Amino acid sequence: MQALRNLIDEAHAVISTIDLPQGRAKRAAKLLESALSLTDDLIAIPPAAVTLGQRGGLKTAERGSEYFRQIASKRKTKSGGRPKRSE
């Protein structure tokens, strides 16, 4: 995303120094400024994996250490995977 922002910034620098007829350079410069602000906003947003990872940590904390002890003991005795649900 940062590379895209750099490319847009370079294009903006080139367009802003050129004088085209009918105000085309000004319009292109405005569009590139909008693209720069959009990429800045996208860079500021954390990736979705970070958000999902935070939720996963909360679910792990809800289960507690006893749950993971049971799973570990099942692995040691080679008696299957996760324990059956007890409701």
N, C-alpha and C. Protein backbone atom coordinates (compact mmCIF):
# COMPACT_ATOMS: atom_id res chain seq x y z
N MET A 1 0.83 -1.19 0.00
CA MET A 1 0.00 0.00 0.00
C MET A 1 0.88 1.26 0.00
N GLN A 2 1.98 1.16 0.72
CA GLN A 2 2.90 2.30 0.76
C GLN A 2 3.52 2.55 -0.61
N ALA A 3 3.79 1.47 -1.36
CA ALA A 3 4.35 1.62 -2.70
C ALA A 3 3.34 2.31 -3.63
N LEU A 4 2.07 1.95 -3.49
CA LEU A 4 1.03 2.61 -4.29
C LEU A 4 0.96 4.09 -3.97
N ARG A 5 1.06 4.43 -2.69
CA ARG A 5 1.02 5.83 -2.28
C ARG A 5 2.20 6.59 -2.88
N ASN A 6 3.37 5.96 -2.88
CA ASN A 6 4.56 6.60 -3.45
C ASN A 6 4.40 6.86 -4.94
N LEU A 7 3.80 5.90 -5.66
CA LEU A 7 3.57 6.08 -7.09
C LEU A 7 2.60 7.23 -7.36
N ILE A 8 1.55 7.30 -6.59
CA ILE A 8 0.57 8.38 -6.76
C ILE A 8 1.21 9.72 -6.43
N ASP A 9 2.02 9.74 -5.40
CA ASP A 9 2.69 10.98 -5.01
C ASP A 9 3.65 11.45 -6.12
N GLU A 10 4.35 10.53 -6.73
CA GLU A 10 5.26 10.89 -7.82
C GLU A 10 4.48 11.40 -9.03
N ALA A 11 3.36 10.75 -9.35
CA ALA A 11 2.54 11.21 -10.47
C ALA A 11 1.98 12.60 -10.19
N HIS A 12 1.60 12.85 -8.95
CA HIS A 12 1.09 14.18 -8.56
C HIS A 12 2.18 15.23 -8.74
N ALA A 13 3.41 14.91 -8.38
CA ALA A 13 4.51 15.86 -8.54
C ALA A 13 4.76 16.17 -10.01
N VAL A 14 4.66 15.17 -10.86
CA VAL A 14 4.87 15.38 -12.29
C VAL A 14 3.74 16.22 -12.89
N ILE A 15 2.51 15.86 -12.57
CA ILE A 15 1.35 16.57 -13.14
C ILE A 15 1.30 18.02 -12.67
N SER A 16 1.68 18.28 -11.43
CA SER A 16 1.57 19.64 -10.91
C SER A 16 2.58 20.60 -11.57
N THR A 17 3.61 20.07 -12.21
CA THR A 17 4.59 20.94 -12.86
C THR A 17 4.28 21.16 -14.34
N ILE A 18 3.31 20.45 -14.89
CA ILE A 18 2.97 20.54 -16.31
C ILE A 18 1.80 21.49 -16.49
N ASP A 19 1.81 22.23 -17.58
CA ASP A 19 0.69 23.11 -17.92
C ASP A 19 0.01 22.56 -19.17
N LEU A 20 -1.18 21.98 -18.99
CA LEU A 20 -1.94 21.42 -20.11
C LEU A 20 -3.11 22.33 -20.45
N PRO A 21 -3.59 22.27 -21.69
CA PRO A 21 -4.72 23.12 -22.07
C PRO A 21 -6.02 22.71 -21.38
N GLN A 22 -6.94 23.63 -21.30
CA GLN A 22 -8.28 23.43 -20.75
C GLN A 22 -8.27 22.99 -19.29
N GLY A 23 -7.26 23.32 -18.54
CA GLY A 23 -7.22 23.02 -17.12
C GLY A 23 -7.12 21.54 -16.78
N ARG A 24 -6.64 20.74 -17.70
CA ARG A 24 -6.57 19.29 -17.46
C ARG A 24 -5.55 18.95 -16.39
N ALA A 25 -4.46 19.67 -16.34
CA ALA A 25 -3.43 19.38 -15.33
C ALA A 25 -3.97 19.67 -13.93
N LYS A 26 -4.75 20.74 -13.79
CA LYS A 26 -5.33 21.07 -12.47
C LYS A 26 -6.29 19.98 -12.02
N ARG A 27 -7.12 19.51 -12.96
CA ARG A 27 -8.08 18.46 -12.62
C ARG A 27 -7.36 17.16 -12.25
N ALA A 28 -6.34 16.82 -13.01
CA ALA A 28 -5.57 15.61 -12.71
C ALA A 28 -4.88 15.73 -11.35
N ALA A 29 -4.38 16.92 -11.04
CA ALA A 29 -3.72 17.13 -9.74
C ALA A 29 -4.73 16.97 -8.61
N LYS A 30 -5.95 17.48 -8.80
CA LYS A 30 -6.99 17.32 -7.76
C LYS A 30 -7.34 15.84 -7.57
N LEU A 31 -7.46 15.12 -8.66
CA LEU A 31 -7.78 13.69 -8.57
C LEU A 31 -6.66 12.92 -7.86
N LEU A 32 -5.43 13.27 -8.16
CA LEU A 32 -4.31 12.59 -7.50
C LEU A 32 -4.22 12.96 -6.02
N GLU A 33 -4.60 14.19 -5.66
CA GLU A 33 -4.65 14.56 -4.25
C GLU A 33 -5.70 13.73 -3.52
N SER A 34 -6.86 13.51 -4.17
CA SER A 34 -7.89 12.66 -3.58
C SER A 34 -7.39 11.23 -3.42
N ALA A 35 -6.68 10.74 -4.42
CA ALA A 35 -6.13 9.39 -4.33
C ALA A 35 -5.10 9.28 -3.21
N LEU A 36 -4.31 10.32 -3.02
CA LEU A 36 -3.34 10.33 -1.92
C LEU A 36 -4.04 10.27 -0.57
N SER A 37 -5.10 11.04 -0.42
CA SER A 37 -5.81 11.02 0.87
C SER A 37 -6.48 9.67 1.12
N LEU A 38 -6.99 9.05 0.05
CA LEU A 38 -7.60 7.72 0.21
C LEU A 38 -6.55 6.68 0.61
N THR A 39 -5.40 6.72 -0.02
CA THR A 39 -4.37 5.74 0.35
C THR A 39 -3.85 5.99 1.76
N ASP A 40 -3.77 7.24 2.18
CA ASP A 40 -3.37 7.52 3.56
C ASP A 40 -4.37 6.93 4.54
N ASP A 41 -5.67 7.04 4.22
CA ASP A 41 -6.70 6.47 5.08
C ASP A 41 -6.61 4.95 5.12
N LEU A 42 -6.36 4.34 3.96
CA LEU A 42 -6.24 2.88 3.91
C LEU A 42 -5.01 2.38 4.66
N ILE A 43 -3.94 3.13 4.61
CA ILE A 43 -2.74 2.75 5.34
C ILE A 43 -2.98 2.84 6.85
N ALA A 44 -3.78 3.81 7.27
CA ALA A 44 -4.03 4.00 8.70
C ALA A 44 -4.91 2.91 9.29
N ILE A 45 -5.74 2.24 8.48
CA ILE A 45 -6.64 1.19 8.97
C ILE A 45 -5.83 -0.08 9.19
N PRO A 46 -5.96 -0.70 10.36
CA PRO A 46 -5.22 -1.95 10.58
C PRO A 46 -5.78 -3.08 9.72
N PRO A 47 -4.97 -4.04 9.34
CA PRO A 47 -5.46 -5.15 8.53
C PRO A 47 -6.52 -5.96 9.27
N ALA A 48 -7.36 -6.65 8.53
CA ALA A 48 -8.46 -7.43 9.11
C ALA A 48 -7.94 -8.55 10.01
N ALA A 49 -6.78 -9.09 9.69
CA ALA A 49 -6.23 -10.19 10.49
C ALA A 49 -5.95 -9.74 11.92
N VAL A 50 -5.57 -8.49 12.09
CA VAL A 50 -5.30 -7.98 13.44
C VAL A 50 -6.59 -7.97 14.24
N THR A 51 -7.67 -7.52 13.62
CA THR A 51 -8.96 -7.47 14.30
C THR A 51 -9.44 -8.86 14.66
N LEU A 52 -9.31 -9.79 13.72
CA LEU A 52 -9.74 -11.16 13.99
C LEU A 52 -8.86 -11.81 15.05
N GLY A 53 -7.59 -11.50 15.05
CA GLY A 53 -6.69 -12.06 16.04
C GLY A 53 -7.03 -11.62 17.45
N GLN A 54 -7.49 -10.40 17.59
CA GLN A 54 -7.88 -9.91 18.91
C GLN A 54 -9.08 -10.69 19.42
N ARG A 55 -10.02 -11.00 18.54
CA ARG A 55 -11.19 -11.76 18.95
C ARG A 55 -10.81 -13.18 19.34
N GLY A 56 -9.88 -13.76 18.60
CA GLY A 56 -9.43 -15.12 18.92
C GLY A 56 -8.81 -15.20 20.29
N GLY A 57 -8.07 -14.19 20.68
CA GLY A 57 -7.48 -14.18 22.00
C GLY A 57 -8.52 -14.12 23.10
N LEU A 58 -9.61 -13.41 22.86
CA LEU A 58 -10.69 -13.34 23.84
C LEU A 58 -11.38 -14.69 23.98
N LYS A 59 -11.60 -15.38 22.87
CA LYS A 59 -12.24 -16.69 22.92
C LYS A 59 -11.35 -17.70 23.65
N THR A 60 -10.07 -17.62 23.44
CA THR A 60 -9.14 -18.50 24.13
C THR A 60 -9.19 -18.25 25.63
N ALA A 61 -9.27 -17.01 26.03
CA ALA A 61 -9.33 -16.68 27.45
C ALA A 61 -10.62 -17.17 28.08
N GLU A 62 -11.71 -17.19 27.33
CA GLU A 62 -12.99 -17.67 27.87
C GLU A 62 -12.93 -19.16 28.18
N ARG A 63 -12.22 -19.92 27.37
CA ARG A 63 -12.17 -21.37 27.56
C ARG A 63 -11.40 -21.76 28.81
N GLY A 64 -10.42 -21.03 29.15
CA GLY A 64 -9.68 -21.30 30.36
C GLY A 64 -8.59 -22.34 30.19
N SER A 65 -7.77 -22.45 31.20
CA SER A 65 -6.61 -23.33 31.11
C SER A 65 -7.00 -24.81 31.23
N GLU A 66 -8.08 -25.11 31.93
CA GLU A 66 -8.49 -26.51 32.09
C GLU A 66 -8.83 -27.15 30.74
N TYR A 67 -9.45 -26.42 29.88
CA TYR A 67 -9.80 -26.89 28.54
C TYR A 67 -8.54 -27.32 27.78
N PHE A 68 -7.52 -26.50 27.84
CA PHE A 68 -6.29 -26.81 27.12
C PHE A 68 -5.52 -27.94 27.79
N ARG A 69 -5.65 -28.08 29.10
CA ARG A 69 -5.04 -29.23 29.79
C ARG A 69 -5.67 -30.54 29.31
N GLN A 70 -7.00 -30.51 29.14
CA GLN A 70 -7.68 -31.72 28.65
C GLN A 70 -7.21 -32.09 27.25
N ILE A 71 -7.09 -31.11 26.40
CA ILE A 71 -6.64 -31.38 25.03
C ILE A 71 -5.21 -31.92 25.04
N ALA A 72 -4.36 -31.34 25.86
CA ALA A 72 -2.97 -31.80 25.94
C ALA A 72 -2.91 -33.23 26.46
N SER A 73 -3.75 -33.57 27.44
CA SER A 73 -3.73 -34.93 27.97
C SER A 73 -4.22 -35.92 26.92
N LYS A 74 -5.18 -35.52 26.11
CA LYS A 74 -5.65 -36.41 25.04
C LYS A 74 -4.53 -36.66 24.03
N ARG A 75 -3.74 -35.65 23.76
CA ARG A 75 -2.63 -35.83 22.82
C ARG A 75 -1.60 -36.80 23.39
N LYS A 76 -1.35 -36.71 24.68
CA LYS A 76 -0.33 -37.55 25.30
C LYS A 76 -0.75 -39.01 25.29
N THR A 77 -2.04 -39.28 25.47
CA THR A 77 -2.50 -40.67 25.50
C THR A 77 -2.92 -41.16 24.12
N LYS A 78 -2.84 -40.28 23.12
CA LYS A 78 -3.22 -40.61 21.73
C LYS A 78 -4.63 -41.15 21.66
N SER A 79 -5.53 -40.55 22.41
CA SER A 79 -6.91 -41.02 22.42
C SER A 79 -7.84 -40.09 21.66
N GLY A 80 -7.34 -39.41 20.68
CA GLY A 80 -8.22 -38.57 19.87
C GLY A 80 -7.91 -37.11 20.00
N GLY A 81 -8.78 -36.31 19.45
CA GLY A 81 -8.58 -34.87 19.40
C GLY A 81 -9.20 -34.14 20.57
N ARG A 82 -10.12 -33.32 20.26
CA ARG A 82 -10.74 -32.49 21.29
C ARG A 82 -11.71 -33.32 22.13
N PRO A 83 -11.89 -32.91 23.37
CA PRO A 83 -12.85 -33.63 24.20
C PRO A 83 -14.28 -33.37 23.75
N LYS A 84 -15.18 -34.28 24.07
CA LYS A 84 -16.58 -34.12 23.70
C LYS A 84 -17.17 -32.95 24.47
N ARG A 85 -18.14 -32.32 23.84
CA ARG A 85 -18.78 -31.14 24.47
C ARG A 85 -19.63 -31.61 25.64
N SER A 86 -19.49 -30.92 26.74
CA SER A 86 -20.37 -31.17 27.88
C SER A 86 -21.18 -29.90 28.11
N GLU A 87 -22.47 -30.02 27.94
CA GLU A 87 -23.32 -28.81 28.01
C GLU A 87 -24.02 -28.67 29.29
